[in-house]
C-alpha atoms as a PDB file:
ATOM      1  CA  MET A   1       9.531   6.575 -15.348  1.00  0.00           C
ATOM      2  CA  THR A   2      10.203  10.249 -14.936  1.00  0.00           C
ATOM      3  CA  GLU A   3      11.255  12.337 -11.977  1.00  0.00           C
ATOM      4  CA  PHE A   4       7.675  13.661 -11.976  1.00  0.00           C
ATOM      5  CA  ASP A   5       6.404  10.103 -11.474  1.00  0.00           C
ATOM      6  CA  LYS A   6       8.755   9.661  -8.523  1.00  0.00           C
ATOM      7  CA  GLU A   7       7.600  12.919  -6.974  1.00  0.00           C
ATOM      8  CA  GLN A   8       3.952  11.969  -7.488  1.00  0.00           C
ATOM      9  CA  THR A   9       4.629   8.671  -5.701  1.00  0.00           C
ATOM     10  CA  ARG A  10       6.467  10.472  -2.879  1.00  0.00           C
ATOM     11  CA  ALA A  11       3.529  12.866  -2.476  1.00  0.00           C
ATOM     12  CA  PHE A  12       1.055   9.969  -2.330  1.00  0.00           C
ATOM     13  CA  LEU A  13       3.097   8.155   0.331  1.00  0.00           C
ATOM     14  CA  ARG A  14       3.556  11.324   2.368  1.00  0.00           C
ATOM     15  CA  GLU A  15      -0.214  11.963   2.448  1.00  0.00           C
ATOM     16  CA  PHE A  16      -1.080   8.278   3.019  1.00  0.00           C
ATOM     17  CA  LYS A  17       1.295   8.138   5.994  1.00  0.00           C
ATOM     18  CA  ARG A  18       0.072  11.436   7.442  1.00  0.00           C
ATOM     19  CA  LEU A  19      -3.521  10.211   7.390  1.00  0.00           C
ATOM     20  CA  ALA A  20      -2.446   6.811   8.747  1.00  0.00           C
ATOM     21  CA  ARG A  21      -0.668   8.376  11.711  1.00  0.00           C
ATOM     22  CA  GLU A  22      -3.615  10.634  12.480  1.00  0.00           C
ATOM     23  CA  GLN A  23      -6.459   8.155  11.962  1.00  0.00           C
ATOM     24  CA  GLY A  24      -5.012   4.682  11.520  1.00  0.00           C
ATOM     25  CA  ILE A  25      -5.308   2.527   8.421  1.00  0.00           C
ATOM     26  CA  PHE A  26      -8.494   0.842   7.307  1.00  0.00           C
ATOM     27  CA  VAL A  27      -7.549  -2.614   6.002  1.00  0.00           C
ATOM     28  CA  VAL A  28     -10.160  -4.214   3.767  1.00  0.00           C
ATOM     29  CA  PRO A  29     -11.166  -7.419   5.611  1.00  0.00           C
ATOM     30  CA  ARG A  30     -10.461  -9.835   2.759  1.00  0.00           C
ATOM     31  CA  GLU A  31      -9.487 -13.429   3.421  1.00  0.00           C
ATOM     32  CA  ALA A  32      -6.142 -12.969   1.603  1.00  0.00           C
ATOM     33  CA  ASN A  33      -5.280  -9.955   3.784  1.00  0.00           C
ATOM     34  CA  ASN A  34      -6.142 -11.816   6.982  1.00  0.00           C
ATOM     35  CA  GLN A  35      -4.358 -14.998   5.869  1.00  0.00           C
ATOM     36  CA  ALA A  36      -1.208 -13.002   5.092  1.00  0.00           C
ATOM     37  CA  LEU A  37      -0.751 -12.171   8.771  1.00  0.00           C
ATOM     38  CA  ILE A  38      -0.786 -15.884   9.565  1.00  0.00           C
ATOM     39  CA  ASP A  39       1.403 -16.884   6.602  1.00  0.00           C
ATOM     40  CA  LEU A  40       3.975 -14.187   7.328  1.00  0.00           C
ATOM     41  CA  ASN A  41       3.847 -14.718  11.097  1.00  0.00           C
ATOM     42  CA  ILE A  42       3.200 -11.030  11.734  1.00  0.00           C
ATOM     43  CA  ASN A  43       0.491  -9.076  13.520  1.00  0.00           C
ATOM     44  CA  ALA A  44      -1.533  -5.986  12.616  1.00  0.00           C
ATOM     45  CA  ARG A  45       0.992  -3.715  14.356  1.00  0.00           C
ATOM     46  CA  ILE A  46       3.852  -5.033  12.209  1.00  0.00           C
ATOM     47  CA  ARG A  47       1.674  -4.709   9.103  1.00  0.00           C
ATOM     48  CA  LYS A  48       1.070  -1.055   9.986  1.00  0.00           C
ATOM     49  CA  GLN A  49       4.789  -0.494  10.593  1.00  0.00           C
ATOM     50  CA  THR A  50       5.500  -2.064   7.200  1.00  0.00           C
ATOM     51  CA  LEU A  51       3.022   0.257   5.498  1.00  0.00           C
ATOM     52  CA  LEU A  52       4.461   3.318   7.254  1.00  0.00           C
ATOM     53  CA  ALA A  53       7.967   2.314   6.177  1.00  0.00           C
ATOM     54  CA  LEU A  54       7.145   2.127   2.449  1.00  0.00           C
ATOM     55  CA  SER A  55       9.289   4.264   0.193  1.00  0.00           C
ATOM     56  CA  VAL A  56       9.363   5.281  -3.442  1.00  0.00           C
ATOM     57  CA  THR A  57      11.672   2.343  -4.189  1.00  0.00           C
ATOM     58  CA  ASP A  58       8.878  -0.038  -3.107  1.00  0.00           C
ATOM     59  CA  TYR A  59       6.572   1.370  -5.817  1.00  0.00           C
ATOM     60  CA  PHE A  60       5.274  -1.215  -8.290  1.00  0.00           C
ATOM     61  CA  SER A  61       2.474   0.486 -10.280  1.00  0.00           C
ATOM     62  CA  GLY A  62      -0.246   3.114 -10.310  1.00  0.00           C
ATOM     63  CA  PRO A  63      -2.065   5.256  -9.851  1.00  0.00           C
ATOM     64  CA  ASP A  64      -4.749   3.088 -11.440  1.00  0.00           C
ATOM     65  CA  PRO A  65      -8.470   3.871 -11.334  1.00  0.00           C
ATOM     66  CA  ASP A  66     -10.310   1.930  -8.626  1.00  0.00           C
ATOM     67  CA  ARG A  67     -12.958  -0.125 -10.398  1.00  0.00           C
ATOM     68  CA  ASP A  68     -15.037  -0.462  -7.209  1.00  0.00           C
ATOM     69  CA  ALA A  69     -15.114   3.132  -5.928  1.00  0.00           C
ATOM     70  CA  PRO A  70     -13.995   6.637  -6.883  1.00  0.00           C
ATOM     71  CA  GLY A  71     -10.273   7.257  -6.584  1.00  0.00           C
ATOM     72  CA  PHE A  72      -6.984   5.636  -7.481  1.00  0.00           C
ATOM     73  CA  LEU A  73      -4.994   2.626  -6.295  1.00  0.00           C
ATOM     74  CA  TRP A  74      -1.243   2.519  -5.860  1.00  0.00           C
ATOM     75  CA  THR A  75       0.654  -0.778  -5.734  1.00  0.00           C
ATOM     76  CA  PHE A  76       3.838  -1.428  -3.775  1.00  0.00           C
ATOM     77  CA  GLY A  77       5.838  -4.476  -2.781  1.00  0.00           C
ATOM     78  CA  VAL A  78       8.152  -5.491   0.029  1.00  0.00           C
ATOM     79  CA  THR A  79       9.895  -8.615   1.193  1.00  0.00           C
ATOM     80  CA  ILE A  80       9.026  -9.977   4.616  1.00  0.00           C
ATOM     81  CA  GLY A  81      11.242 -12.878   5.558  1.00  0.00           C
ATOM     82  CA  GLU A  82      11.627 -14.655   2.239  1.00  0.00           C
ATOM     83  CA  CYS A  83       8.172 -13.750   0.962  1.00  0.00           C
ATOM     84  CA  ASP A  84       7.362 -11.018  -1.546  1.00  0.00           C
ATOM     85  CA  VAL A  85       4.313  -9.099  -0.378  1.00  0.00           C
ATOM     86  CA  TYR A  86       1.904  -7.307  -2.724  1.00  0.00           C
ATOM     87  CA  ILE A  87       0.439  -4.120  -1.239  1.00  0.00           C
ATOM     88  CA  LYS A  88      -2.331  -2.014  -2.753  1.00  0.00           C
ATOM     89  CA  LEU A  89      -3.127   1.328  -1.126  1.00  0.00           C
ATOM     90  CA  LYS A  90      -5.554   4.172  -1.559  1.00  0.00           C
ATOM     91  CA  ILE A  91      -6.448   7.508  -0.055  1.00  0.00           C
ATOM     92  CA  ALA A  92     -10.219   7.160   0.189  1.00  0.00           C
ATOM     93  CA  GLY A  93     -13.072   9.453   1.135  1.00  0.00           C
ATOM     94  CA  GLU A  94     -13.914  13.019   0.271  1.00  0.00           C
ATOM     95  CA  VAL A  95     -11.618  16.004   0.495  1.00  0.00           C
ATOM     96  CA  GLY A  96     -11.455  17.013   4.137  1.00  0.00           C
ATOM     97  CA  ARG A  97     -12.688  13.565   5.208  1.00  0.00           C
ATOM     98  CA  GLN A  98     -10.028  11.340   3.692  1.00  0.00           C
ATOM     99  CA  PHE A  99      -8.467   8.259   5.224  1.00  0.00           C
ATOM    100  CA  SER A 100      -5.745   5.711   4.483  1.00  0.00           C
ATOM    101  CA  LYS A 101      -6.982   2.434   3.082  1.00  0.00           C
ATOM    102  CA  CYS A 102      -5.091  -0.824   2.477  1.00  0.00           C
ATOM    103  CA  VAL A 103      -6.953  -2.828  -0.152  1.00  0.00           C
ATOM    104  CA  ALA A 104      -4.424  -5.660  -0.460  1.00  0.00           C
ATOM    105  CA  PHE A 105      -1.616  -6.988   1.728  1.00  0.00           C
ATOM    106  CA  HIS A 106      -0.766 -10.574   0.787  1.00  0.00           C
ATOM    107  CA  ARG A 107       1.788 -12.839  -0.850  1.00  0.00           C
ATOM    108  CA  ALA A 108       2.654 -11.723  -4.358  1.00  0.00           C
ATOM    109  CA  ARG A 109       1.078 -14.074  -6.883  1.00  0.00           C
ATOM    110  CA  GLU A 110       3.518 -13.136  -9.639  1.00  0.00           C
ATOM    111  CA  PRO A 111       6.910 -11.441  -9.891  1.00  0.00           C
ATOM    112  CA  MET A 112       6.932  -7.701  -9.288  1.00  0.00           C
ATOM    113  CA  PHE A 113       9.008  -5.082 -11.101  1.00  0.00           C
ATOM    114  CA  PHE A 114      10.114  -1.960  -9.246  1.00  0.00           C
ATOM    115  CA  PRO A 115      10.796   0.880 -11.704  1.00  0.00           C
ATOM    116  CA  PHE A 116      12.452   3.191  -9.144  1.00  0.00           C
ATOM    117  CA  ARG A 117      15.080   0.687  -7.994  1.00  0.00           C
END
């Protein structure tokens, strides 16, 4: 990974967090995302705090084209308690009407590699 890749990731996180603070975060209501709150014994507020605390070192992969909608997905990972958590984020919407979107927030199903650590 290059320094450019790190800066691109930093820029994504900066914009994601700015939008999240201004408008909140839309979390896709998938069963795995809802179950993660129960499994990890956390609430939506702690999930939001976790997302706002992400850094470049939590980067896992991306940006990857979103197969379901225009735009790109970025994947991150964190450890909550003793559980590795897989996080997939996106800045969705049109320019001037964008919002922060969390597509996935659940237990990691396989080991994750963090290229900036």
